[in-house]
PDB file of N, CA and C in Angstrom:
ATOM      1  N   MET A   1     122.591  20.715 162.484  1.00  0.00           N
ATOM      2  CA  MET A   1     121.567  20.386 161.510  1.00  0.00           C
ATOM      3  C   MET A   1     120.505  19.463 162.105  1.00  0.00           C
ATOM      4  N   ASN A   2     120.926  18.464 162.859  1.00  0.00           N
ATOM      5  CA  ASN A   2     119.966  17.536 163.456  1.00  0.00           C
ATOM      6  C   ASN A   2     119.043  18.238 164.441  1.00  0.00           C
ATOM      7  N   ARG A   3     119.559  19.240 165.146  1.00  0.00           N
ATOM      8  CA  ARG A   3     118.735  19.978 166.104  1.00  0.00           C
ATOM      9  C   ARG A   3     117.611  20.716 165.384  1.00  0.00           C
ATOM     10  N   ARG A   4     117.904  21.295 164.232  1.00  0.00           N
ATOM     11  CA  ARG A   4     116.870  21.977 163.455  1.00  0.00           C
ATOM     12  C   ARG A   4     115.780  21.021 163.011  1.00  0.00           C
ATOM     13  N   ILE A   5     116.165  19.841 162.629  1.00  0.00           N
ATOM     14  CA  ILE A   5     115.182  18.835 162.189  1.00  0.00           C
ATOM     15  C   ILE A   5     114.290  18.450 163.364  1.00  0.00           C
ATOM     16  N   VAL A   6     114.888  18.214 164.508  1.00  0.00           N
ATOM     17  CA  VAL A   6     114.119  17.833 165.696  1.00  0.00           C
ATOM     18  C   VAL A   6     113.151  18.953 166.067  1.00  0.00           C
ATOM     19  N   ILE A   7     113.607  20.192 166.060  1.00  0.00           N
ATOM     20  CA  ILE A   7     112.742  21.322 166.395  1.00  0.00           C
ATOM     21  C   ILE A   7     111.613  21.456 165.380  1.00  0.00           C
ATOM     22  N   THR A   8     111.927  21.318 164.111  1.00  0.00           N
ATOM     23  CA  THR A   8     110.910  21.412 163.054  1.00  0.00           C
ATOM     24  C   THR A   8     109.859  20.310 163.220  1.00  0.00           C
ATOM     25  N   VAL A   9     110.310  19.107 163.469  1.00  0.00           N
ATOM     26  CA  VAL A   9     109.379  17.986 163.655  1.00  0.00           C
ATOM     27  C   VAL A   9     108.507  18.230 164.889  1.00  0.00           C
ATOM     28  N   ALA A  10     109.085  18.732 165.963  1.00  0.00           N
ATOM     29  CA  ALA A  10     108.322  19.010 167.180  1.00  0.00           C
ATOM     30  C   ALA A  10     107.261  20.077 166.931  1.00  0.00           C
ATOM     31  N   ILE A  11     107.616  21.112 166.199  1.00  0.00           N
ATOM     32  CA  ILE A  11     106.658  22.173 165.885  1.00  0.00           C
ATOM     33  C   ILE A  11     105.531  21.632 165.007  1.00  0.00           C
ATOM     34  N   LEU A  12     105.870  20.876 163.996  1.00  0.00           N
ATOM     35  CA  LEU A  12     104.846  20.301 163.120  1.00  0.00           C
ATOM     36  C   LEU A  12     103.922  19.360 163.891  1.00  0.00           C
ATOM     37  N   PHE A  13     104.472  18.570 164.782  1.00  0.00           N
ATOM     38  CA  PHE A  13     103.670  17.672 165.602  1.00  0.00           C
ATOM     39  C   PHE A  13     102.711  18.467 166.480  1.00  0.00           C
ATOM     40  N   ALA A  14     103.196  19.536 167.109  1.00  0.00           N
ATOM     41  CA  ALA A  14     102.345  20.371 167.957  1.00  0.00           C
ATOM     42  C   ALA A  14     101.207  20.992 167.153  1.00  0.00           C
ATOM     43  N   ILE A  15     101.504  21.442 165.947  1.00  0.00           N
ATOM     44  CA  ILE A  15     100.469  22.022 165.088  1.00  0.00           C
ATOM     45  C   ILE A  15      99.431  20.973 164.713  1.00  0.00           C
ATOM     46  N   MET A  16      99.884  19.775 164.373  1.00  0.00           N
ATOM     47  CA  MET A  16      98.952  18.705 163.989  1.00  0.00           C
ATOM     48  C   MET A  16      98.059  18.314 165.163  1.00  0.00           C
ATOM     49  N   VAL A  17      98.639  18.174 166.342  1.00  0.00           N
ATOM     50  CA  VAL A  17      97.854  17.801 167.518  1.00  0.00           C
ATOM     51  C   VAL A  17      96.848  18.897 167.841  1.00  0.00           C
ATOM     52  N   SER A  18      97.278  20.152 167.779  1.00  0.00           N
ATOM     53  CA  SER A  18      96.390  21.278 168.052  1.00  0.00           C
ATOM     54  C   SER A  18      95.237  21.311 167.064  1.00  0.00           C
ATOM     55  N   ALA A  19      95.511  21.118 165.806  1.00  0.00           N
ATOM     56  CA  ALA A  19      94.468  21.149 164.782  1.00  0.00           C
ATOM     57  C   ALA A  19      93.476  20.010 164.976  1.00  0.00           C
ATOM     58  N   GLN A  20      93.943  18.864 165.436  1.00  0.00           N
ATOM     59  CA  GLN A  20      93.056  17.723 165.635  1.00  0.00           C
ATOM     60  C   GLN A  20      92.093  17.950 166.785  1.00  0.00           C
ATOM     61  N   ASP A  21      92.481  18.730 167.787  1.00  0.00           N
ATOM     62  CA  ASP A  21      91.638  18.957 168.953  1.00  0.00           C
ATOM     63  C   ASP A  21      90.618  20.067 168.728  1.00  0.00           C
ATOM     64  N   ARG A  22      90.702  20.761 167.609  1.00  0.00           N
ATOM     65  CA  ARG A  22      89.768  21.843 167.320  1.00  0.00           C
ATOM     66  C   ARG A  22      88.393  21.235 167.064  1.00  0.00           C
ATOM     67  N   ARG A  23      87.390  21.789 167.706  1.00  0.00           N
ATOM     68  CA  ARG A  23      86.033  21.261 167.546  1.00  0.00           C
ATOM     69  C   ARG A  23      85.011  22.336 167.833  1.00  0.00           C
ATOM     70  N   SER A  24      83.778  22.010 167.569  1.00  0.00           N
ATOM     71  CA  SER A  24      82.654  22.896 167.869  1.00  0.00           C
ATOM     72  C   SER A  24      81.762  22.196 168.875  1.00  0.00           C
ATOM     73  N   LEU A  25      81.416  22.907 169.927  1.00  0.00           N
ATOM     74  CA  LEU A  25      80.537  22.367 170.958  1.00  0.00           C
ATOM     75  C   LEU A  25      79.306  23.252 171.058  1.00  0.00           C
ATOM     76  N   THR A  26      78.150  22.623 171.210  1.00  0.00           N
ATOM     77  CA  THR A  26      76.887  23.348 171.299  1.00  0.00           C
ATOM     78  C   THR A  26      76.372  23.278 172.727  1.00  0.00           C
ATOM     79  N   GLY A  27      75.891  24.405 173.207  1.00  0.00           N
ATOM     80  CA  GLY A  27      75.338  24.459 174.553  1.00  0.00           C
ATOM     81  C   GLY A  27      74.848  25.851 174.873  1.00  0.00           C
ATOM     82  N   VAL A  28      74.601  26.097 176.140  1.00  0.00           N
ATOM     83  CA  VAL A  28      74.089  27.379 176.609  1.00  0.00           C
ATOM     84  C   VAL A  28      75.192  28.111 177.359  1.00  0.00           C
ATOM     85  N   ILE A  29      75.318  29.410 177.085  1.00  0.00           N
ATOM     86  CA  ILE A  29      76.260  30.232 177.843  1.00  0.00           C
ATOM     87  C   ILE A  29      75.615  30.546 179.183  1.00  0.00           C
ATOM     88  N   THR A  30      76.258  30.095 180.245  1.00  0.00           N
ATOM     89  CA  THR A  30      75.790  30.343 181.600  1.00  0.00           C
ATOM     90  C   THR A  30      77.003  30.732 182.443  1.00  0.00           C
ATOM     91  N   ASP A  31      76.887  30.615 183.748  1.00  0.00           N
ATOM     92  CA  ASP A  31      78.005  31.003 184.611  1.00  0.00           C
ATOM     93  C   ASP A  31      78.387  29.846 185.525  1.00  0.00           C
ATOM     94  N   SER A  32      79.571  29.941 186.095  1.00  0.00           N
ATOM     95  CA  SER A  32      80.094  28.845 186.908  1.00  0.00           C
ATOM     96  C   SER A  32      79.325  28.650 188.214  1.00  0.00           C
ATOM     97  N   MET A  33      78.584  29.651 188.668  1.00  0.00           N
ATOM     98  CA  MET A  33      77.771  29.493 189.877  1.00  0.00           C
ATOM     99  C   MET A  33      76.479  28.730 189.577  1.00  0.00           C
ATOM    100  N   CYS A  34      75.988  28.870 188.366  1.00  0.00           N
ATOM    101  CA  CYS A  34      74.756  28.195 187.931  1.00  0.00           C
ATOM    102  C   CYS A  34      75.117  27.285 186.752  1.00  0.00           C
ATOM    103  N   ALA A  35      76.139  26.484 186.934  1.00  0.00           N
ATOM    104  CA  ALA A  35      76.777  25.760 185.834  1.00  0.00           C
ATOM    105  C   ALA A  35      75.858  24.822 185.056  1.00  0.00           C
ATOM    106  N   THR A  36      74.760  24.401 185.632  1.00  0.00           N
ATOM    107  CA  THR A  36      73.846  23.526 184.901  1.00  0.00           C
ATOM    108  C   THR A  36      72.762  24.321 184.188  1.00  0.00           C
ATOM    109  N   GLY A  37      72.866  25.647 184.243  1.00  0.00           N
ATOM    110  CA  GLY A  37      71.871  26.481 183.590  1.00  0.00           C
ATOM    111  C   GLY A  37      70.627  26.711 184.425  1.00  0.00           C
ATOM    112  N   ASP A  38      70.617  26.216 185.673  1.00  0.00           N
ATOM    113  CA  ASP A  38      69.471  26.407 186.565  1.00  0.00           C
ATOM    114  C   ASP A  38      69.727  27.637 187.426  1.00  0.00           C
ATOM    115  N   HIS A  39      69.067  28.728 187.102  1.00  0.00           N
ATOM    116  CA  HIS A  39      69.274  29.988 187.798  1.00  0.00           C
ATOM    117  C   HIS A  39      68.230  30.235 188.885  1.00  0.00           C
ATOM    118  N   SER A  40      67.344  29.285 189.123  1.00  0.00           N
ATOM    119  CA  SER A  40      66.229  29.495 190.044  1.00  0.00           C
ATOM    120  C   SER A  40      66.679  29.763 191.477  1.00  0.00           C
ATOM    121  N   ARG A  41      67.780  29.194 191.896  1.00  0.00           N
ATOM    122  CA  ARG A  41      68.210  29.378 193.277  1.00  0.00           C
ATOM    123  C   ARG A  41      68.921  30.707 193.516  1.00  0.00           C
ATOM    124  N   MET A  42      69.370  31.365 192.453  1.00  0.00           N
ATOM    125  CA  MET A  42      70.144  32.591 192.605  1.00  0.00           C
ATOM    126  C   MET A  42      69.259  33.844 192.647  1.00  0.00           C
ATOM    127  N   HIS A  43      68.204  33.871 191.872  1.00  0.00           N
ATOM    128  CA  HIS A  43      67.294  35.029 191.828  1.00  0.00           C
ATOM    129  C   HIS A  43      68.045  36.335 191.547  1.00  0.00           C
ATOM    130  N   MET A  44      68.933  36.296 190.567  1.00  0.00           N
ATOM    131  CA  MET A  44      69.737  37.470 190.211  1.00  0.00           C
ATOM    132  C   MET A  44      69.272  37.964 188.844  1.00  0.00           C
ATOM    133  N   GLY A  45      68.213  38.722 188.791  1.00  0.00           N
ATOM    134  CA  GLY A  45      67.684  39.195 187.525  1.00  0.00           C
ATOM    135  C   GLY A  45      66.412  38.469 187.173  1.00  0.00           C
ATOM    136  N   SER A  46      65.755  38.965 186.147  1.00  0.00           N
ATOM    137  CA  SER A  46      64.445  38.415 185.787  1.00  0.00           C
ATOM    138  C   SER A  46      64.513  37.250 184.810  1.00  0.00           C
ATOM    139  N   ASN A  47      65.704  36.942 184.280  1.00  0.00           N
ATOM    140  CA  ASN A  47      65.830  35.822 183.346  1.00  0.00           C
ATOM    141  C   ASN A  47      67.242  35.238 183.423  1.00  0.00           C
ATOM    142  N   ASP A  48      67.473  34.154 182.685  1.00  0.00           N
ATOM    143  CA  ASP A  48      68.764  33.460 182.731  1.00  0.00           C
ATOM    144  C   ASP A  48      69.918  34.354 182.287  1.00  0.00           C
ATOM    145  N   ALA A  49      69.701  35.165 181.261  1.00  0.00           N
ATOM    146  CA  ALA A  49      70.763  36.043 180.763  1.00  0.00           C
ATOM    147  C   ALA A  49      71.171  37.055 181.831  1.00  0.00           C
ATOM    148  N   GLU A  50      70.194  37.688 182.468  1.00  0.00           N
ATOM    149  CA  GLU A  50      70.491  38.680 183.507  1.00  0.00           C
ATOM    150  C   GLU A  50      71.197  38.044 184.700  1.00  0.00           C
ATOM    151  N   CYS A  51      70.768  36.849 185.076  1.00  0.00           N
ATOM    152  CA  CYS A  51      71.398  36.150 186.193  1.00  0.00           C
ATOM    153  C   CYS A  51      72.849  35.815 185.855  1.00  0.00           C
ATOM    154  N   THR A  52      73.075  35.320 184.655  1.00  0.00           N
ATOM    155  CA  THR A  52      74.434  34.967 184.233  1.00  0.00           C
ATOM    156  C   THR A  52      75.348  36.182 184.286  1.00  0.00           C
ATOM    157  N   ILE A  53      74.899  37.274 183.708  1.00  0.00           N
ATOM    158  CA  ILE A  53      75.711  38.495 183.667  1.00  0.00           C
ATOM    159  C   ILE A  53      75.965  39.016 185.084  1.00  0.00           C
ATOM    160  N   ALA A  54      74.950  38.973 185.951  1.00  0.00           N
ATOM    161  CA  ALA A  54      75.121  39.430 187.331  1.00  0.00           C
ATOM    162  C   ALA A  54      76.087  38.537 188.104  1.00  0.00           C
ATOM    163  N   CYS A  55      75.981  37.230 187.926  1.00  0.00           N
ATOM    164  CA  CYS A  55      76.879  36.309 188.633  1.00  0.00           C
ATOM    165  C   CYS A  55      78.333  36.536 188.209  1.00  0.00           C
ATOM    166  N   VAL A  56      78.542  36.778 186.922  1.00  0.00           N
ATOM    167  CA  VAL A  56      79.900  37.019 186.428  1.00  0.00           C
ATOM    168  C   VAL A  56      80.391  38.397 186.857  1.00  0.00           C
ATOM    169  N   GLY A  57      79.569  39.411 186.645  1.00  0.00           N
ATOM    170  CA  GLY A  57      80.001  40.779 186.914  1.00  0.00           C
ATOM    171  C   GLY A  57      80.082  41.149 188.370  1.00  0.00           C
ATOM    172  N   ASP A  58      79.150  40.663 189.177  1.00  0.00           N
ATOM    173  CA  ASP A  58      79.060  41.106 190.565  1.00  0.00           C
ATOM    174  C   ASP A  58      79.537  40.085 191.592  1.00  0.00           C
ATOM    175  N   HIS A  59      79.624  38.825 191.202  1.00  0.00           N
ATOM    176  CA  HIS A  59      79.882  37.783 192.195  1.00  0.00           C
ATOM    177  C   HIS A  59      81.079  36.890 191.873  1.00  0.00           C
ATOM    178  N   GLY A  60      81.877  37.271 190.896  1.00  0.00           N
ATOM    179  CA  GLY A  60      83.124  36.556 190.625  1.00  0.00           C
ATOM    180  C   GLY A  60      83.000  35.237 189.902  1.00  0.00           C
ATOM    181  N   ALA A  61      81.831  34.944 189.347  1.00  0.00           N
ATOM    182  CA  ALA A  61      81.678  33.714 188.569  1.00  0.00           C
ATOM    183  C   ALA A  61      82.358  33.893 187.206  1.00  0.00           C
ATOM    184  N   SER A  62      82.479  32.808 186.466  1.00  0.00           N
ATOM    185  CA  SER A  62      83.062  32.826 185.131  1.00  0.00           C
ATOM    186  C   SER A  62      82.029  32.334 184.127  1.00  0.00           C
ATOM    187  N   TYR A  63      82.150  32.804 182.885  1.00  0.00           N
ATOM    188  CA  TYR A  63      81.287  32.287 181.829  1.00  0.00           C
ATOM    189  C   TYR A  63      81.694  30.856 181.510  1.00  0.00           C
ATOM    190  N   VAL A  64      80.693  30.001 181.320  1.00  0.00           N
ATOM    191  CA  VAL A  64      80.915  28.609 180.945  1.00  0.00           C
ATOM    192  C   VAL A  64      79.927  28.234 179.841  1.00  0.00           C
ATOM    193  N   LEU A  65      80.246  27.158 179.151  1.00  0.00           N
ATOM    194  CA  LEU A  65      79.325  26.558 178.192  1.00  0.00           C
ATOM    195  C   LEU A  65      78.789  25.291 178.836  1.00  0.00           C
ATOM    196  N   TYR A  66      77.469  25.190 178.944  1.00  0.00           N
ATOM    197  CA  TYR A  66      76.833  23.985 179.480  1.00  0.00           C
ATOM    198  C   TYR A  66      76.178  23.253 178.322  1.00  0.00           C
ATOM    199  N   ASP A  67      76.626  22.012 178.058  1.00  0.00           N
ATOM    200  CA  ASP A  67      76.139  21.250 176.907  1.00  0.00           C
ATOM    201  C   ASP A  67      74.999  20.291 177.244  1.00  0.00           C
ATOM    202  N   GLY A  68      74.480  20.381 178.450  1.00  0.00           N
ATOM    203  CA  GLY A  68      73.403  19.486 178.885  1.00  0.00           C
ATOM    204  C   GLY A  68      73.908  18.394 179.809  1.00  0.00           C
ATOM    205  N   LYS A  69      75.231  18.174 179.818  1.00  0.00           N
ATOM    206  CA  LYS A  69      75.842  17.167 180.692  1.00  0.00           C
ATOM    207  C   LYS A  69      77.007  17.750 181.480  1.00  0.00           C
ATOM    208  N   GLU A  70      77.847  18.498 180.797  1.00  0.00           N
ATOM    209  CA  GLU A  70      79.058  19.060 181.391  1.00  0.00           C
ATOM    210  C   GLU A  70      79.096  20.560 181.163  1.00  0.00           C
ATOM    211  N   SER A  71      79.818  21.256 182.040  1.00  0.00           N
ATOM    212  CA  SER A  71      80.069  22.672 181.799  1.00  0.00           C
ATOM    213  C   SER A  71      81.566  22.844 181.580  1.00  0.00           C
ATOM    214  N   TYR A  72      81.892  23.740 180.654  1.00  0.00           N
ATOM    215  CA  TYR A  72      83.274  23.976 180.253  1.00  0.00           C
ATOM    216  C   TYR A  72      83.607  25.451 180.422  1.00  0.00           C
ATOM    217  N   PHE A  73      84.704  25.742 181.129  1.00  0.00           N
ATOM    218  CA  PHE A  73      85.189  27.094 181.287  1.00  0.00           C
ATOM    219  C   PHE A  73      85.588  27.626 179.917  1.00  0.00           C
ATOM    220  N   LEU A  74      85.345  28.895 179.660  1.00  0.00           N
ATOM    221  CA  LEU A  74      85.690  29.519 178.386  1.00  0.00           C
ATOM    222  C   LEU A  74      86.888  30.437 178.570  1.00  0.00           C
ATOM    223  N   SER A  75      87.897  30.276 177.723  1.00  0.00           N
ATOM    224  CA  SER A  75      89.106  31.089 177.846  1.00  0.00           C
ATOM    225  C   SER A  75      88.820  32.568 177.596  1.00  0.00           C
ATOM    226  N   ASP A  76      87.874  32.854 176.733  1.00  0.00           N
ATOM    227  CA  ASP A  76      87.474  34.235 176.448  1.00  0.00           C
ATOM    228  C   ASP A  76      86.325  34.578 177.391  1.00  0.00           C
ATOM    229  N   GLN A  77      86.542  35.522 178.271  1.00  0.00           N
ATOM    230  CA  GLN A  77      85.522  35.905 179.233  1.00  0.00           C
ATOM    231  C   GLN A  77      84.836  37.220 178.871  1.00  0.00           C
ATOM    232  N   THR A  78      85.091  37.725 177.664  1.00  0.00           N
ATOM    233  CA  THR A  78      84.456  38.958 177.198  1.00  0.00           C
ATOM    234  C   THR A  78      83.342  38.666 176.200  1.00  0.00           C
ATOM    235  N   ALA A  79      83.640  37.915 175.161  1.00  0.00           N
ATOM    236  CA  ALA A  79      82.673  37.632 174.092  1.00  0.00           C
ATOM    237  C   ALA A  79      81.401  36.930 174.575  1.00  0.00           C
ATOM    238  N   PRO A  80      81.459  36.033 175.559  1.00  0.00           N
ATOM    239  CA  PRO A  80      80.240  35.315 175.959  1.00  0.00           C
ATOM    240  C   PRO A  80      79.128  36.189 176.524  1.00  0.00           C
ATOM    241  N   GLU A  81      79.452  37.388 177.007  1.00  0.00           N
ATOM    242  CA  GLU A  81      78.424  38.220 177.647  1.00  0.00           C
ATOM    243  C   GLU A  81      77.226  38.462 176.735  1.00  0.00           C
ATOM    244  N   LYS A  82      77.464  38.753 175.469  1.00  0.00           N
ATOM    245  CA  LYS A  82      76.330  39.045 174.575  1.00  0.00           C
ATOM    246  C   LYS A  82      75.524  37.787 174.230  1.00  0.00           C
ATOM    247  N   PHE A  83      76.039  36.613 174.607  1.00  0.00           N
ATOM    248  CA  PHE A  83      75.329  35.357 174.356  1.00  0.00           C
ATOM    249  C   PHE A  83      74.779  34.740 175.648  1.00  0.00           C
ATOM    250  N   ALA A  84      74.847  35.461 176.750  1.00  0.00           N
ATOM    251  CA  ALA A  84      74.407  34.930 178.043  1.00  0.00           C
ATOM    252  C   ALA A  84      72.977  34.401 177.956  1.00  0.00           C
ATOM    253  N   GLY A  85      72.791  33.173 178.443  1.00  0.00           N
ATOM    254  CA  GLY A  85      71.471  32.549 178.456  1.00  0.00           C
ATOM    255  C   GLY A  85      71.014  31.992 177.126  1.00  0.00           C
ATOM    256  N   LYS A  86      71.852  32.071 176.102  1.00  0.00           N
ATOM    257  CA  LYS A  86      71.457  31.621 174.757  1.00  0.00           C
ATOM    258  C   LYS A  86      72.197  30.361 174.351  1.00  0.00           C
ATOM    259  N   LYS A  87      71.561  29.607 173.449  1.00  0.00           N
ATOM    260  CA  LYS A  87      72.182  28.413 172.897  1.00  0.00           C
ATOM    261  C   LYS A  87      73.144  28.837 171.787  1.00  0.00           C
ATOM    262  N   VAL A  88      74.385  28.380 171.896  1.00  0.00           N
ATOM    263  CA  VAL A  88      75.436  28.793 170.972  1.00  0.00           C
ATOM    264  C   VAL A  88      76.259  27.604 170.498  1.00  0.00           C
ATOM    265  N   VAL A  89      77.108  27.882 169.526  1.00  0.00           N
ATOM    266  CA  VAL A  89      78.143  26.949 169.097  1.00  0.00           C
ATOM    267  C   VAL A  89      79.469  27.642 169.375  1.00  0.00           C
ATOM    268  N   VAL A  90      80.296  27.005 170.202  1.00  0.00           N
ATOM    269  CA  VAL A  90      81.621  27.530 170.513  1.00  0.00           C
ATOM    270  C   VAL A  90      82.631  26.682 169.739  1.00  0.00           C
ATOM    271  N   THR A  91      83.458  27.352 168.966  1.00  0.00           N
ATOM    272  CA  THR A  91      84.509  26.677 168.214  1.00  0.00           C
ATOM    273  C   THR A  91      85.835  26.995 168.870  1.00  0.00           C
ATOM    274  N   GLY A  92      86.636  25.966 169.070  1.00  0.00           N
ATOM    275  CA  GLY A  92      87.940  26.162 169.687  1.00  0.00           C
ATOM    276  C   GLY A  92      88.591  24.838 169.995  1.00  0.00           C
ATOM    277  N   THR A  93      89.597  24.897 170.843  1.00  0.00           N
ATOM    278  CA  THR A  93      90.348  23.715 171.244  1.00  0.00           C
ATOM    279  C   THR A  93      89.941  23.342 172.661  1.00  0.00           C
ATOM    280  N   LEU A  94      89.552  22.094 172.845  1.00  0.00           N
ATOM    281  CA  LEU A  94      89.100  21.610 174.144  1.00  0.00           C
ATOM    282  C   LEU A  94      90.237  20.940 174.892  1.00  0.00           C
ATOM    283  N   ASP A  95      90.435  21.350 176.135  1.00  0.00           N
ATOM    284  CA  ASP A  95      91.334  20.648 177.048  1.00  0.00           C
ATOM    285  C   ASP A  95      90.424  19.841 177.968  1.00  0.00           C
ATOM    286  N   PRO A  96      90.196  18.556 177.647  1.00  0.00           N
ATOM    287  CA  PRO A  96      89.220  17.776 178.408  1.00  0.00           C
ATOM    288  C   PRO A  96      89.615  17.541 179.862  1.00  0.00           C
ATOM    289  N   ALA A  97      90.893  17.485 180.146  1.00  0.00           N
ATOM    290  CA  ALA A  97      91.334  17.252 181.521  1.00  0.00           C
ATOM    291  C   ALA A  97      90.970  18.431 182.421  1.00  0.00           C
ATOM    292  N   LYS A  98      91.082  19.643 181.902  1.00  0.00           N
ATOM    293  CA  LYS A  98      90.786  20.843 182.682  1.00  0.00           C
ATOM    294  C   LYS A  98      89.397  21.396 182.404  1.00  0.00           C
ATOM    295  N   LYS A  99      88.702  20.802 181.420  1.00  0.00           N
ATOM    296  CA  LYS A  99      87.374  21.263 181.004  1.00  0.00           C
ATOM    297  C   LYS A  99      87.392  22.739 180.611  1.00  0.00           C
ATOM    298  N   ILE A 100      88.375  23.084 179.779  1.00  0.00           N
ATOM    299  CA  ILE A 100      88.510  24.447 179.273  1.00  0.00           C
ATOM    300  C   ILE A 100      88.422  24.413 177.752  1.00  0.00           C
ATOM    301  N   ILE A 101      87.643  25.336 177.203  1.00  0.00           N
ATOM    302  CA  ILE A 101      87.615  25.531 175.758  1.00  0.00           C
ATOM    303  C   ILE A 101      88.407  26.794 175.464  1.00  0.00           C
ATOM    304  N   HIS A 102      89.459  26.653 174.676  1.00  0.00           N
ATOM    305  CA  HIS A 102      90.227  27.809 174.218  1.00  0.00           C
ATOM    306  C   HIS A 102      89.469  28.353 173.012  1.00  0.00           C
ATOM    307  N   VAL A 103      88.704  29.395 173.236  1.00  0.00           N
ATOM    308  CA  VAL A 103      87.707  29.903 172.298  1.00  0.00           C
ATOM    309  C   VAL A 103      88.337  30.573 171.083  1.00  0.00           C
ATOM    310  N   GLU A 104      87.860  30.150 169.910  1.00  0.00           N
ATOM    311  CA  GLU A 104      88.203  30.821 168.657  1.00  0.00           C
ATOM    312  C   GLU A 104      87.024  31.650 168.171  1.00  0.00           C
ATOM    313  N   ALA A 105      85.805  31.126 168.366  1.00  0.00           N
ATOM    314  CA  ALA A 105      84.610  31.827 167.902  1.00  0.00           C
ATOM    315  C   ALA A 105      83.389  31.346 168.676  1.00  0.00           C
ATOM    316  N   ILE A 106      82.401  32.241 168.800  1.00  0.00           N
ATOM    317  CA  ILE A 106      81.112  31.917 169.394  1.00  0.00           C
ATOM    318  C   ILE A 106      80.039  32.449 168.468  1.00  0.00           C
ATOM    319  N   ALA A 107      79.053  31.610 168.160  1.00  0.00           N
ATOM    320  CA  ALA A 107      77.947  32.025 167.303  1.00  0.00           C
ATOM    321  C   ALA A 107      76.650  31.403 167.837  1.00  0.00           C
ATOM    322  N   LEU A 108      75.542  32.091 167.580  1.00  0.00           N
ATOM    323  CA  LEU A 108      74.251  31.523 167.961  1.00  0.00           C
ATOM    324  C   LEU A 108      74.042  30.200 167.240  1.00  0.00           C
ATOM    325  N   ALA A 109      73.468  29.240 167.938  1.00  0.00           N
ATOM    326  CA  ALA A 109      73.135  27.954 167.337  1.00  0.00           C
ATOM    327  C   ALA A 109      71.934  28.148 166.418  1.00  0.00           C
ATOM    328  N   SER A 110      71.793  27.280 165.447  1.00  0.00           N
ATOM    329  CA  SER A 110      70.653  27.340 164.530  1.00  0.00           C
ATOM    330  C   SER A 110      69.354  27.313 165.313  1.00  0.00           C
ATOM    331  N   GLY A 111      68.466  28.194 164.946  1.00  0.00           N
ATOM    332  CA  GLY A 111      67.165  28.269 165.599  1.00  0.00           C
ATOM    333  C   GLY A 111      67.154  29.088 166.875  1.00  0.00           C
ATOM    334  N   SER A 112      68.310  29.609 167.290  1.00  0.00           N
ATOM    335  CA  SER A 112      68.370  30.441 168.506  1.00  0.00           C
ATOM    336  C   SER A 112      68.146  31.884 168.140  1.00  0.00           C
ATOM    337  N   GLN A 113      67.644  32.637 169.107  1.00  0.00           N
ATOM    338  CA  GLN A 113      67.392  34.060 168.878  1.00  0.00           C
ATOM    339  C   GLN A 113      68.215  34.904 169.815  1.00  0.00           C
TER     340      GLN A 113
END
């Protein structure tokens, strides 16, 4: 009986901690090769979106969210493609030590096209 209580408490604690770390971060979807959103040195496409997609698709880079100070790896590497080069809000759980966002949702930021 005591083991069940300990397991239940551990599960509830994990759920509470996970829920507390859920947040929304705003930034630009870019790639790990151009992590600050500066694509001028790469010359891969005619705009930031094309460069991002080319770096990810052809050169092994990963999609990241750049918030103006830091870039964060995105656990979902499929959904960000349609937002490449755009300002978005990513909702998910942040692992600050590894700089990874475990993505739950991505949406255009207000005023973005």
